[in-house]
Amino acid sequence: MLFTIAIILLVLWLLGVVGFYTIGWFIHVLLIAAIVLLLVRLIEGPTIA
């Protein structure tokens, strides 16, 4: 779940960098959130379902 959210945030960030320069501060917030989520996912390790 967190991994999916992180990927979505990264994609939104990439789209924002390419297309929406005027809201750059918000895009960088999304990037930081995506990186934090990826780090949390890596630290937690694989989940056993």
N, C-alpha and C. Protein backbone atom coordinates (compact mmCIF):
# COMPACT_ATOMS: atom_id res chain seq x y z
N MET A 1 0.82 -1.20 0.00
CA MET A 1 0.00 0.00 0.00
C MET A 1 0.87 1.27 0.00
N LEU A 2 1.82 1.31 0.92
CA LEU A 2 2.71 2.47 0.98
C LEU A 2 3.55 2.59 -0.29
N PHE A 3 3.97 1.43 -0.82
CA PHE A 3 4.77 1.45 -2.03
C PHE A 3 3.98 2.03 -3.20
N THR A 4 2.72 1.67 -3.29
CA THR A 4 1.87 2.19 -4.36
C THR A 4 1.69 3.70 -4.23
N ILE A 5 1.46 4.16 -3.02
CA ILE A 5 1.32 5.60 -2.80
C ILE A 5 2.60 6.33 -3.16
N ALA A 6 3.74 5.76 -2.80
CA ALA A 6 5.03 6.37 -3.11
C ALA A 6 5.23 6.47 -4.63
N ILE A 7 4.88 5.42 -5.35
CA ILE A 7 5.02 5.44 -6.81
C ILE A 7 4.10 6.49 -7.41
N ILE A 8 2.87 6.58 -6.92
CA ILE A 8 1.94 7.59 -7.42
C ILE A 8 2.48 8.99 -7.16
N LEU A 9 3.03 9.22 -5.97
CA LEU A 9 3.58 10.53 -5.65
C LEU A 9 4.78 10.86 -6.54
N LEU A 10 5.62 9.87 -6.81
CA LEU A 10 6.76 10.11 -7.70
C LEU A 10 6.30 10.47 -9.11
N VAL A 11 5.29 9.77 -9.60
CA VAL A 11 4.78 10.06 -10.94
C VAL A 11 4.18 11.47 -10.97
N LEU A 12 3.41 11.82 -9.94
CA LEU A 12 2.86 13.18 -9.88
C LEU A 12 3.96 14.22 -9.83
N TRP A 13 5.02 13.92 -9.11
CA TRP A 13 6.14 14.85 -9.03
C TRP A 13 6.78 15.04 -10.41
N LEU A 14 7.00 13.94 -11.11
CA LEU A 14 7.60 14.03 -12.44
C LEU A 14 6.71 14.83 -13.39
N LEU A 15 5.40 14.59 -13.32
CA LEU A 15 4.48 15.36 -14.16
C LEU A 15 4.50 16.83 -13.78
N GLY A 16 4.60 17.10 -12.51
CA GLY A 16 4.62 18.48 -12.05
C GLY A 16 5.88 19.21 -12.48
N VAL A 17 7.02 18.54 -12.42
CA VAL A 17 8.27 19.16 -12.83
C VAL A 17 8.22 19.50 -14.32
N VAL A 18 7.62 18.62 -15.10
CA VAL A 18 7.56 18.84 -16.54
C VAL A 18 6.51 19.88 -16.91
N GLY A 19 5.34 19.84 -16.26
CA GLY A 19 4.25 20.65 -16.74
C GLY A 19 3.84 21.86 -15.91
N PHE A 20 4.04 21.84 -14.62
CA PHE A 20 3.47 22.88 -13.77
C PHE A 20 4.57 23.54 -12.93
N TYR A 21 5.30 24.43 -13.53
CA TYR A 21 6.42 25.06 -12.83
C TYR A 21 5.93 26.03 -11.75
N THR A 22 4.73 26.54 -11.87
CA THR A 22 4.26 27.57 -10.95
C THR A 22 3.96 27.04 -9.56
N ILE A 23 3.69 25.75 -9.41
CA ILE A 23 3.42 25.20 -8.08
C ILE A 23 4.58 24.30 -7.64
N GLY A 24 5.78 24.76 -7.91
CA GLY A 24 6.98 23.97 -7.64
C GLY A 24 7.13 23.57 -6.18
N TRP A 25 6.73 24.43 -5.26
CA TRP A 25 6.88 24.09 -3.84
C TRP A 25 6.04 22.89 -3.47
N PHE A 26 4.83 22.77 -4.04
CA PHE A 26 3.95 21.64 -3.74
C PHE A 26 4.51 20.35 -4.31
N ILE A 27 5.10 20.44 -5.48
CA ILE A 27 5.68 19.26 -6.11
C ILE A 27 6.84 18.74 -5.27
N HIS A 28 7.63 19.63 -4.72
CA HIS A 28 8.75 19.18 -3.89
C HIS A 28 8.26 18.55 -2.59
N VAL A 29 7.14 19.02 -2.07
CA VAL A 29 6.54 18.38 -0.90
C VAL A 29 6.11 16.96 -1.25
N LEU A 30 5.53 16.77 -2.44
CA LEU A 30 5.15 15.43 -2.88
C LEU A 30 6.37 14.53 -3.03
N LEU A 31 7.46 15.07 -3.54
CA LEU A 31 8.68 14.29 -3.69
C LEU A 31 9.21 13.85 -2.33
N ILE A 32 9.24 14.74 -1.38
CA ILE A 32 9.72 14.39 -0.04
C ILE A 32 8.83 13.33 0.58
N ALA A 33 7.51 13.46 0.42
CA ALA A 33 6.59 12.45 0.95
C ALA A 33 6.83 11.09 0.30
N ALA A 34 7.07 11.06 -1.01
CA ALA A 34 7.32 9.81 -1.71
C ALA A 34 8.62 9.17 -1.22
N ILE A 35 9.65 9.96 -1.02
CA ILE A 35 10.92 9.42 -0.55
C ILE A 35 10.78 8.86 0.86
N VAL A 36 10.06 9.58 1.72
CA VAL A 36 9.84 9.10 3.09
C VAL A 36 9.08 7.78 3.07
N LEU A 37 8.04 7.69 2.24
CA LEU A 37 7.27 6.45 2.17
C LEU A 37 8.11 5.29 1.65
N LEU A 38 8.96 5.55 0.67
CA LEU A 38 9.83 4.49 0.17
C LEU A 38 10.81 4.03 1.24
N LEU A 39 11.36 4.97 1.99
CA LEU A 39 12.29 4.60 3.06
C LEU A 39 11.59 3.79 4.15
N VAL A 40 10.38 4.17 4.50
CA VAL A 40 9.61 3.41 5.49
C VAL A 40 9.36 2.00 4.98
N ARG A 41 9.01 1.89 3.72
CA ARG A 41 8.77 0.56 3.11
C ARG A 41 10.03 -0.29 3.13
N LEU A 42 11.17 0.30 2.82
CA LEU A 42 12.42 -0.46 2.82
C LEU A 42 12.82 -0.87 4.24
N ILE A 43 12.61 0.00 5.20
CA ILE A 43 12.98 -0.30 6.59
C ILE A 43 12.08 -1.40 7.15
N GLU A 44 10.76 -1.36 6.83
CA GLU A 44 9.83 -2.37 7.33
C GLU A 44 10.13 -3.74 6.75
N GLY A 45 10.62 -3.79 5.55
CA GLY A 45 10.88 -5.07 4.90
C GLY A 45 9.60 -5.65 4.34
N PRO A 46 9.70 -6.86 3.78
CA PRO A 46 8.52 -7.46 3.19
C PRO A 46 7.50 -7.87 4.26
N THR A 47 6.23 -7.68 3.94
CA THR A 47 5.17 -8.06 4.86
C THR A 47 4.70 -9.46 4.54
N ILE A 48 4.39 -10.20 5.56
CA ILE A 48 3.92 -11.57 5.38
C ILE A 48 2.39 -11.55 5.45
N ALA A 49 1.78 -11.94 4.32
CA ALA A 49 0.31 -11.88 4.25
C ALA A 49 -0.28 -13.22 4.57
